[in-house]
Amino acid sequence: MRVPKTEDYSHYGLVLPELLPYTARILPGLLLIGVCFALAREPLLRIVALVLGFVLIRDAMTPLGFWRIGTSGPAPWLRFADDAGLLLVFGAVTLLLTAAVLRLDGELRALVRWGRPVTALAGLGGGLLIAGPVLLLSLSVPVAERGGPVAAGLLPALLFFALSGNLAEEVLFRGLLQGYLERSGPVRAALLSAVMFAACHAYLASTVTDLGWPLLAFTLYEGLICAFLRLRYGVLPAALAHGLAIFLLAAG
C-alpha cells in the first residue's frame, strides 16, 4: 500500500481554524492566477487560469492533511478530514466561488450546457460505473489498510462536500473547457477534456504524492465517463456521477 507524502498536522485536530494556514498557503498563487484571469481577453486563457486555480486549491489540501489518498494494489482510496464543519465550509465556499465566476463572466457562462434534472439517473449510473471497479478491487483489502472506517455521522457532510466540490470541477472541465472545445467537434472535445482532466492530476500523482500511474489511470477512466455524460446529457449528470463516485470511494 502506498500513501501520500504529507506533513504531520495530526496534532492540530483539523478544526475550522485550520483554514487559516491553508488560506495563507494558497493566497499568493491565487492572487497571481486572479491577475491572469482579469487580464486575459481570450476565453480559453481564462479557462486555463481557472483550472490552475482549482489544481492549486485541491493539491494544497494534501500537505495540510485535509485529505489522504493512497493505493491498495492498483486500486486508489481516499479519505477526507473527519471534521464535518470543515467539509461543509469547503463545500459552501466552492459553490460560492463557482457561482461568482459564472455570474461575473457571461462569455464563459454561455459555454455551460447544464442538462435537465430528469437525466439524474444517468448521473447515478455513471457514479456507480466509476466507483464500482475500484470498490470491487478493494473488497479483499481490510478497510484499515485503505484509509480506515468513516463515522456514519460524517456521511451527510461528506456527501455535500463531494457533490459541491465535484460540481465545480465538472463546471471547469466539462462545462467550460469541453464547451469551448466543441467548436472542433463534440467527440474530440470530450476526449480532450478527459485527457486534460487526467493530466491535471499529474502533479498530485508524482510530486504531491507518489501514487503514480494508478491515480492517472483512474482519473482518465473517470474523465472519459464524465465527458461522455456531458456530451450526451449535460454538466449536471456528469457532476452527479463524479460527486457520487468520490463519495462512495471516501465513505469507507
C-alpha atoms as a PDB file:
ATOM      1  CA  MET A   1       0.000   0.000   0.000  1.00  0.00           C
ATOM      2  CA  ARG A   2       1.352   3.403  -0.950  1.00  0.00           C
ATOM      3  CA  VAL A   3       0.342   6.561   0.883  1.00  0.00           C
ATOM      4  CA  PRO A   4       0.959  10.226   0.087  1.00  0.00           C
ATOM      5  CA  LYS A   5       3.900  12.260   1.237  1.00  0.00           C
ATOM      6  CA  THR A   6       2.356  14.592   3.804  1.00  0.00           C
ATOM      7  CA  GLU A   7       3.448  16.726   6.695  1.00  0.00           C
ATOM      8  CA  ASP A   8       2.225  15.689  10.146  1.00  0.00           C
ATOM      9  CA  TYR A   9      -0.619  18.019  11.097  1.00  0.00           C
ATOM     10  CA  SER A  10      -2.470  15.486  13.226  1.00  0.00           C
ATOM     11  CA  HIS A  11      -1.768  17.444  16.418  1.00  0.00           C
ATOM     12  CA  TYR A  12      -3.837  20.371  15.091  1.00  0.00           C
ATOM     13  CA  GLY A  13      -7.096  18.464  15.402  1.00  0.00           C
ATOM     14  CA  LEU A  14      -8.314  19.530  11.944  1.00  0.00           C
ATOM     15  CA  VAL A  15     -10.838  22.074  13.206  1.00  0.00           C
ATOM     16  CA  LEU A  16     -12.116  25.105  11.343  1.00  0.00           C
ATOM     17  CA  PRO A  17      -9.206  27.401  12.387  1.00  0.00           C
ATOM     18  CA  GLU A  18      -7.005  25.184  10.217  1.00  0.00           C
ATOM     19  CA  LEU A  19      -8.415  27.052   7.235  1.00  0.00           C
ATOM     20  CA  LEU A  20      -6.157  29.981   8.147  1.00  0.00           C
ATOM     21  CA  PRO A  21      -2.786  28.317   7.380  1.00  0.00           C
ATOM     22  CA  TYR A  22      -4.366  26.729   4.311  1.00  0.00           C
ATOM     23  CA  THR A  23      -5.578  30.108   3.061  1.00  0.00           C
ATOM     24  CA  ALA A  24      -2.175  31.675   3.735  1.00  0.00           C
ATOM     25  CA  ARG A  25      -0.515  28.912   1.738  1.00  0.00           C
ATOM     26  CA  ILE A  26      -2.645  29.255  -1.403  1.00  0.00           C
ATOM     27  CA  LEU A  27      -3.353  33.012  -1.376  1.00  0.00           C
ATOM     28  CA  PRO A  28      -0.186  34.234  -3.181  1.00  0.00           C
ATOM     29  CA  GLY A  29      -0.706  31.798  -6.025  1.00  0.00           C
ATOM     30  CA  LEU A  30      -4.416  32.563  -6.249  1.00  0.00           C
ATOM     31  CA  LEU A  31      -3.684  36.287  -6.479  1.00  0.00           C
ATOM     32  CA  LEU A  32      -1.347  35.718  -9.432  1.00  0.00           C
ATOM     33  CA  ILE A  33      -3.873  33.443 -11.108  1.00  0.00           C
ATOM     34  CA  GLY A  34      -6.580  36.053 -10.485  1.00  0.00           C
ATOM     35  CA  VAL A  35      -4.477  38.696 -12.235  1.00  0.00           C
ATOM     36  CA  CYS A  36      -4.043  36.348 -15.195  1.00  0.00           C
ATOM     37  CA  PHE A  37      -7.798  35.801 -15.318  1.00  0.00           C
ATOM     38  CA  ALA A  38      -8.520  39.539 -15.172  1.00  0.00           C
ATOM     39  CA  LEU A  39      -6.029  40.412 -17.921  1.00  0.00           C
ATOM     40  CA  ALA A  40      -6.881  37.570 -20.309  1.00  0.00           C
ATOM     41  CA  ARG A  41      -9.182  38.523 -23.160  1.00  0.00           C
ATOM     42  CA  GLU A  42      -9.350  35.093 -24.762  1.00  0.00           C
ATOM     43  CA  PRO A  43     -11.913  32.755 -23.127  1.00  0.00           C
ATOM     44  CA  LEU A  44      -9.529  29.792 -23.325  1.00  0.00           C
ATOM     45  CA  LEU A  45      -6.878  31.663 -21.335  1.00  0.00           C
ATOM     46  CA  ARG A  46      -9.418  32.480 -18.636  1.00  0.00           C
ATOM     47  CA  ILE A  47     -10.467  28.827 -18.525  1.00  0.00           C
ATOM     48  CA  VAL A  48      -6.830  27.768 -18.144  1.00  0.00           C
ATOM     49  CA  ALA A  49      -6.403  30.265 -15.301  1.00  0.00           C
ATOM     50  CA  LEU A  50      -9.451  28.828 -13.534  1.00  0.00           C
ATOM     51  CA  VAL A  51      -8.160  25.266 -13.956  1.00  0.00           C
ATOM     52  CA  LEU A  52      -4.782  26.303 -12.500  1.00  0.00           C
ATOM     53  CA  GLY A  53      -6.564  27.866  -9.544  1.00  0.00           C
ATOM     54  CA  PHE A  54      -8.592  24.725  -8.935  1.00  0.00           C
ATOM     55  CA  VAL A  55      -5.488  22.500  -9.099  1.00  0.00           C
ATOM     56  CA  LEU A  56      -3.751  24.750  -6.561  1.00  0.00           C
ATOM     57  CA  ILE A  57      -6.741  24.708  -4.200  1.00  0.00           C
ATOM     58  CA  ARG A  58      -7.079  20.918  -4.470  1.00  0.00           C
ATOM     59  CA  ASP A  59      -3.438  19.898  -4.250  1.00  0.00           C
ATOM     60  CA  ALA A  60      -2.681  22.197  -1.301  1.00  0.00           C
ATOM     61  CA  MET A  61      -5.220  20.216   0.742  1.00  0.00           C
ATOM     62  CA  THR A  62      -2.838  17.242   0.819  1.00  0.00           C
ATOM     63  CA  PRO A  63       0.151  18.500   2.847  1.00  0.00           C
ATOM     64  CA  LEU A  64      -2.188  20.085   5.393  1.00  0.00           C
ATOM     65  CA  GLY A  65      -3.938  16.771   5.945  1.00  0.00           C
ATOM     66  CA  PHE A  66      -7.389  17.806   4.738  1.00  0.00           C
ATOM     67  CA  TRP A  67      -7.480  14.594   2.747  1.00  0.00           C
ATOM     68  CA  ARG A  68      -5.454  11.401   2.379  1.00  0.00           C
ATOM     69  CA  ILE A  69      -5.113   9.347  -0.753  1.00  0.00           C
ATOM     70  CA  GLY A  70      -3.339   6.070  -1.326  1.00  0.00           C
ATOM     71  CA  THR A  71      -3.479   2.780  -3.210  1.00  0.00           C
ATOM     72  CA  SER A  72      -4.263  -0.788  -2.239  1.00  0.00           C
ATOM     73  CA  GLY A  73      -2.599  -2.643  -5.080  1.00  0.00           C
ATOM     74  CA  PRO A  74      -3.865  -0.931  -8.247  1.00  0.00           C
ATOM     75  CA  ALA A  75      -6.988   0.465  -6.552  1.00  0.00           C
ATOM     76  CA  PRO A  76      -6.891   4.026  -5.202  1.00  0.00           C
ATOM     77  CA  TRP A  77      -8.596   5.016  -1.947  1.00  0.00           C
ATOM     78  CA  LEU A  78      -9.197   8.398  -0.348  1.00  0.00           C
ATOM     79  CA  ARG A  79     -10.353   9.808   2.962  1.00  0.00           C
ATOM     80  CA  PHE A  80     -11.248  13.375   3.878  1.00  0.00           C
ATOM     81  CA  ALA A  81     -10.826  15.118   7.220  1.00  0.00           C
ATOM     82  CA  ASP A  82     -13.201  13.791   9.853  1.00  0.00           C
ATOM     83  CA  ASP A  83     -14.448  17.302  10.649  1.00  0.00           C
ATOM     84  CA  ALA A  84     -17.989  17.889   9.379  1.00  0.00           C
ATOM     85  CA  GLY A  85     -17.722  21.650   9.815  1.00  0.00           C
ATOM     86  CA  LEU A  86     -14.589  21.777   7.692  1.00  0.00           C
ATOM     87  CA  LEU A  87     -16.239  19.769   4.908  1.00  0.00           C
ATOM     88  CA  LEU A  88     -19.347  21.966   4.981  1.00  0.00           C
ATOM     89  CA  VAL A  89     -17.289  25.165   4.804  1.00  0.00           C
ATOM     90  CA  PHE A  90     -15.172  23.848   1.931  1.00  0.00           C
ATOM     91  CA  GLY A  91     -18.285  22.768   0.046  1.00  0.00           C
ATOM     92  CA  ALA A  92     -20.133  26.043   0.595  1.00  0.00           C
ATOM     93  CA  VAL A  93     -17.142  28.202  -0.389  1.00  0.00           C
ATOM     94  CA  THR A  94     -16.628  26.093  -3.521  1.00  0.00           C
ATOM     95  CA  LEU A  95     -20.242  26.630  -4.568  1.00  0.00           C
ATOM     96  CA  LEU A  96     -19.996  30.368  -3.924  1.00  0.00           C
ATOM     97  CA  LEU A  97     -16.789  30.715  -5.947  1.00  0.00           C
ATOM     98  CA  THR A  98     -18.255  28.732  -8.838  1.00  0.00           C
ATOM     99  CA  ALA A  99     -21.421  30.825  -8.840  1.00  0.00           C
ATOM    100  CA  ALA A 100     -19.385  34.056  -8.654  1.00  0.00           C
ATOM    101  CA  VAL A 101     -17.232  33.151 -11.667  1.00  0.00           C
ATOM    102  CA  LEU A 102     -20.259  32.233 -13.772  1.00  0.00           C
ATOM    103  CA  ARG A 103     -22.110  35.352 -12.652  1.00  0.00           C
ATOM    104  CA  LEU A 104     -19.223  37.695 -13.474  1.00  0.00           C
ATOM    105  CA  ASP A 105     -18.189  36.178 -16.817  1.00  0.00           C
ATOM    106  CA  GLY A 106     -21.141  35.850 -19.164  1.00  0.00           C
ATOM    107  CA  GLU A 107     -18.949  34.665 -22.049  1.00  0.00           C
ATOM    108  CA  LEU A 108     -17.827  31.652 -20.034  1.00  0.00           C
ATOM    109  CA  ARG A 109     -21.286  31.114 -18.542  1.00  0.00           C
ATOM    110  CA  ALA A 110     -22.694  30.671 -22.039  1.00  0.00           C
ATOM    111  CA  LEU A 111     -20.414  27.666 -22.592  1.00  0.00           C
ATOM    112  CA  VAL A 112     -22.042  25.585 -19.842  1.00  0.00           C
ATOM    113  CA  ARG A 113     -24.774  23.219 -21.005  1.00  0.00           C
ATOM    114  CA  TRP A 114     -26.365  22.096 -17.762  1.00  0.00           C
ATOM    115  CA  GLY A 115     -28.797  19.439 -18.963  1.00  0.00           C
ATOM    116  CA  ARG A 116     -32.148  18.579 -17.411  1.00  0.00           C
ATOM    117  CA  PRO A 117     -32.889  17.196 -13.920  1.00  0.00           C
ATOM    118  CA  VAL A 118     -34.586  14.159 -15.465  1.00  0.00           C
ATOM    119  CA  THR A 119     -31.134  12.922 -16.519  1.00  0.00           C
ATOM    120  CA  ALA A 120     -30.169  12.328 -12.871  1.00  0.00           C
ATOM    121  CA  LEU A 121     -30.453   8.569 -13.416  1.00  0.00           C
ATOM    122  CA  ALA A 122     -27.647   8.785 -15.968  1.00  0.00           C
ATOM    123  CA  GLY A 123     -25.526  10.555 -13.358  1.00  0.00           C
ATOM    124  CA  LEU A 124     -26.267   7.918 -10.734  1.00  0.00           C
ATOM    125  CA  GLY A 125     -25.370   5.170 -13.173  1.00  0.00           C
ATOM    126  CA  GLY A 126     -22.173   6.974 -14.111  1.00  0.00           C
ATOM    127  CA  GLY A 127     -21.162   7.290 -10.471  1.00  0.00           C
ATOM    128  CA  LEU A 128     -21.622   3.559  -9.915  1.00  0.00           C
ATOM    129  CA  LEU A 129     -19.693   2.814 -13.112  1.00  0.00           C
ATOM    130  CA  ILE A 130     -16.771   4.970 -11.940  1.00  0.00           C
ATOM    131  CA  ALA A 131     -16.577   3.718  -8.360  1.00  0.00           C
ATOM    132  CA  GLY A 132     -17.691   0.115  -8.932  1.00  0.00           C
ATOM    133  CA  PRO A 133     -14.451  -1.389 -10.308  1.00  0.00           C
ATOM    134  CA  VAL A 134     -12.360   0.290  -7.595  1.00  0.00           C
ATOM    135  CA  LEU A 135     -14.684  -0.933  -4.845  1.00  0.00           C
ATOM    136  CA  LEU A 136     -14.610  -4.466  -6.249  1.00  0.00           C
ATOM    137  CA  LEU A 137     -10.806  -4.458  -6.382  1.00  0.00           C
ATOM    138  CA  SER A 138     -10.767  -3.263  -2.761  1.00  0.00           C
ATOM    139  CA  LEU A 139     -13.050  -5.978  -1.343  1.00  0.00           C
ATOM    140  CA  SER A 140     -10.159  -8.261  -0.432  1.00  0.00           C
ATOM    141  CA  VAL A 141      -8.285  -5.465   1.369  1.00  0.00           C
ATOM    142  CA  PRO A 142      -9.184  -4.766   5.024  1.00  0.00           C
ATOM    143  CA  VAL A 143     -10.689  -1.318   5.476  1.00  0.00           C
ATOM    144  CA  ALA A 144      -7.886  -0.449   7.916  1.00  0.00           C
ATOM    145  CA  GLU A 145      -5.412  -0.769   5.031  1.00  0.00           C
ATOM    146  CA  ARG A 146      -7.362   1.537   2.722  1.00  0.00           C
ATOM    147  CA  GLY A 147      -7.931   4.599   4.837  1.00  0.00           C
ATOM    148  CA  GLY A 148      -9.914   3.173   7.738  1.00  0.00           C
ATOM    149  CA  PRO A 149     -13.617   3.341   8.593  1.00  0.00           C
ATOM    150  CA  VAL A 150     -15.641   6.551   8.355  1.00  0.00           C
ATOM    151  CA  ALA A 151     -18.086   7.617  11.068  1.00  0.00           C
ATOM    152  CA  ALA A 152     -21.722   7.426   9.973  1.00  0.00           C
ATOM    153  CA  GLY A 153     -22.382  10.897  11.351  1.00  0.00           C
ATOM    154  CA  LEU A 154     -19.845  12.355   8.927  1.00  0.00           C
ATOM    155  CA  LEU A 155     -21.544  10.980   5.807  1.00  0.00           C
ATOM    156  CA  PRO A 156     -24.072  13.833   5.185  1.00  0.00           C
ATOM    157  CA  ALA A 157     -21.298  16.468   5.293  1.00  0.00           C
ATOM    158  CA  LEU A 158     -19.082  14.243   3.166  1.00  0.00           C
ATOM    159  CA  LEU A 159     -21.845  13.847   0.571  1.00  0.00           C
ATOM    160  CA  PHE A 160     -22.388  17.625   0.428  1.00  0.00           C
ATOM    161  CA  PHE A 161     -18.658  18.224   0.065  1.00  0.00           C
ATOM    162  CA  ALA A 162     -18.268  15.576  -2.659  1.00  0.00           C
ATOM    163  CA  LEU A 163     -21.192  16.881  -4.703  1.00  0.00           C
ATOM    164  CA  SER A 164     -20.315  20.570  -4.374  1.00  0.00           C
ATOM    165  CA  GLY A 165     -16.576  20.189  -4.943  1.00  0.00           C
ATOM    166  CA  ASN A 166     -17.020  17.985  -7.966  1.00  0.00           C
ATOM    167  CA  LEU A 167     -19.729  20.222  -9.383  1.00  0.00           C
ATOM    168  CA  ALA A 168     -17.074  22.929  -9.505  1.00  0.00           C
ATOM    169  CA  GLU A 169     -14.608  20.556 -11.154  1.00  0.00           C
ATOM    170  CA  GLU A 170     -17.149  19.461 -13.748  1.00  0.00           C
ATOM    171  CA  VAL A 171     -18.130  23.069 -14.497  1.00  0.00           C
ATOM    172  CA  LEU A 172     -14.452  23.718 -15.252  1.00  0.00           C
ATOM    173  CA  PHE A 173     -13.608  20.638 -17.310  1.00  0.00           C
ATOM    174  CA  ARG A 174     -16.939  19.622 -18.822  1.00  0.00           C
ATOM    175  CA  GLY A 175     -18.788  22.928 -18.772  1.00  0.00           C
ATOM    176  CA  LEU A 176     -16.142  25.474 -19.754  1.00  0.00           C
ATOM    177  CA  LEU A 177     -13.281  23.504 -21.320  1.00  0.00           C
ATOM    178  CA  GLN A 178     -15.357  20.899 -23.156  1.00  0.00           C
ATOM    179  CA  GLY A 179     -17.911  23.521 -24.119  1.00  0.00           C
ATOM    180  CA  TYR A 180     -15.206  25.746 -25.597  1.00  0.00           C
ATOM    181  CA  LEU A 181     -13.517  22.863 -27.448  1.00  0.00           C
ATOM    182  CA  GLU A 182     -16.737  21.658 -29.060  1.00  0.00           C
ATOM    183  CA  ARG A 183     -16.147  24.038 -31.945  1.00  0.00           C
ATOM    184  CA  SER A 184     -13.587  21.443 -33.136  1.00  0.00           C
ATOM    185  CA  GLY A 185     -16.087  18.570 -32.816  1.00  0.00           C
ATOM    186  CA  PRO A 186     -18.061  17.185 -29.857  1.00  0.00           C
ATOM    187  CA  VAL A 187     -16.359  13.784 -29.614  1.00  0.00           C
ATOM    188  CA  ARG A 188     -12.888  15.293 -29.946  1.00  0.00           C
ATOM    189  CA  ALA A 189     -13.812  17.830 -27.256  1.00  0.00           C
ATOM    190  CA  ALA A 190     -14.997  15.060 -24.917  1.00  0.00           C
ATOM    191  CA  LEU A 191     -11.801  13.059 -25.396  1.00  0.00           C
ATOM    192  CA  LEU A 192      -9.589  16.093 -24.922  1.00  0.00           C
ATOM    193  CA  SER A 193     -11.397  17.221 -21.775  1.00  0.00           C
ATOM    194  CA  ALA A 194     -10.957  13.711 -20.312  1.00  0.00           C
ATOM    195  CA  VAL A 195      -7.241  13.621 -21.107  1.00  0.00           C
ATOM    196  CA  MET A 196      -6.739  17.147 -19.765  1.00  0.00           C
ATOM    197  CA  PHE A 197      -8.621  16.178 -16.613  1.00  0.00           C
ATOM    198  CA  ALA A 198      -6.267  13.240 -16.030  1.00  0.00           C
ATOM    199  CA  ALA A 199      -3.213  15.345 -16.928  1.00  0.00           C
ATOM    200  CA  CYS A 200      -4.187  17.889 -14.280  1.00  0.00           C
ATOM    201  CA  HIS A 201      -3.689  15.116 -11.700  1.00  0.00           C
ATOM    202  CA  ALA A 202      -0.072  14.544 -12.790  1.00  0.00           C
ATOM    203  CA  TYR A 203       1.445  16.693 -10.038  1.00  0.00           C
ATOM    204  CA  LEU A 204      -0.844  15.100  -7.467  1.00  0.00           C
ATOM    205  CA  ALA A 205       0.279  11.665  -8.660  1.00  0.00           C
ATOM    206  CA  SER A 206       4.006  12.302  -8.977  1.00  0.00           C
ATOM    207  CA  THR A 207       5.087  15.187  -6.728  1.00  0.00           C
ATOM    208  CA  VAL A 208       2.427  15.918  -4.107  1.00  0.00           C
ATOM    209  CA  THR A 209       2.116  12.141  -3.574  1.00  0.00           C
ATOM    210  CA  ASP A 210       3.925   9.122  -5.006  1.00  0.00           C
ATOM    211  CA  LEU A 211       0.824   7.278  -6.247  1.00  0.00           C
ATOM    212  CA  GLY A 212       1.898   7.351  -9.889  1.00  0.00           C
ATOM    213  CA  TRP A 213       0.064   5.599 -12.703  1.00  0.00           C
ATOM    214  CA  PRO A 214      -2.886   4.090 -10.756  1.00  0.00           C
ATOM    215  CA  LEU A 215      -4.169   7.568  -9.960  1.00  0.00           C
ATOM    216  CA  LEU A 216      -3.683   8.759 -13.542  1.00  0.00           C
ATOM    217  CA  ALA A 217      -5.385   5.655 -14.950  1.00  0.00           C
ATOM    218  CA  PHE A 218      -8.342   6.097 -12.611  1.00  0.00           C
ATOM    219  CA  THR A 219      -8.768   9.801 -13.377  1.00  0.00           C
ATOM    220  CA  LEU A 220      -8.599   9.115 -17.130  1.00  0.00           C
ATOM    221  CA  TYR A 221     -11.300   6.444 -16.760  1.00  0.00           C
ATOM    222  CA  GLU A 222     -13.374   8.800 -14.609  1.00  0.00           C
ATOM    223  CA  GLY A 223     -12.825  11.685 -17.002  1.00  0.00           C
ATOM    224  CA  LEU A 224     -13.967   9.676 -20.016  1.00  0.00           C
ATOM    225  CA  ILE A 225     -17.219   8.667 -18.321  1.00  0.00           C
ATOM    226  CA  CYS A 226     -17.951  12.229 -17.197  1.00  0.00           C
ATOM    227  CA  ALA A 227     -17.006  13.686 -20.585  1.00  0.00           C
ATOM    228  CA  PHE A 228     -19.408  11.444 -22.478  1.00  0.00           C
ATOM    229  CA  LEU A 229     -22.139  12.022 -19.905  1.00  0.00           C
ATOM    230  CA  ARG A 230     -21.682  15.730 -20.572  1.00  0.00           C
ATOM    231  CA  LEU A 231     -21.746  15.112 -24.328  1.00  0.00           C
ATOM    232  CA  ARG A 232     -24.978  13.142 -24.121  1.00  0.00           C
ATOM    233  CA  TYR A 233     -26.839  14.698 -21.203  1.00  0.00           C
ATOM    234  CA  GLY A 234     -25.094  17.844 -19.887  1.00  0.00           C
ATOM    235  CA  VAL A 235     -22.939  19.025 -16.992  1.00  0.00           C
ATOM    236  CA  LEU A 236     -25.336  18.173 -14.156  1.00  0.00           C
ATOM    237  CA  PRO A 237     -25.339  14.389 -14.752  1.00  0.00           C
ATOM    238  CA  ALA A 238     -21.548  14.455 -15.147  1.00  0.00           C
ATOM    239  CA  ALA A 239     -21.221  16.355 -11.863  1.00  0.00           C
ATOM    240  CA  LEU A 240     -23.571  13.933 -10.117  1.00  0.00           C
ATOM    241  CA  ALA A 241     -21.575  10.949 -11.389  1.00  0.00           C
ATOM    242  CA  HIS A 242     -18.274  12.496 -10.301  1.00  0.00           C
ATOM    243  CA  GLY A 243     -19.543  13.546  -6.887  1.00  0.00           C
ATOM    244  CA  LEU A 244     -21.257  10.223  -6.178  1.00  0.00           C
ATOM    245  CA  ALA A 245     -18.144   8.265  -7.168  1.00  0.00           C
ATOM    246  CA  ILE A 246     -15.916  10.318  -4.866  1.00  0.00           C
ATOM    247  CA  PHE A 247     -18.434   9.941  -2.038  1.00  0.00           C
ATOM    248  CA  LEU A 248     -18.562   6.151  -2.458  1.00  0.00           C
ATOM    249  CA  LEU A 249     -14.771   5.891  -2.510  1.00  0.00           C
ATOM    250  CA  ALA A 250     -14.354   8.174   0.524  1.00  0.00           C
ATOM    251  CA  ALA A 251     -17.187   6.781   2.660  1.00  0.00           C
ATOM    252  CA  GLY A 252     -15.288   3.730   3.861  1.00  0.00           C
END
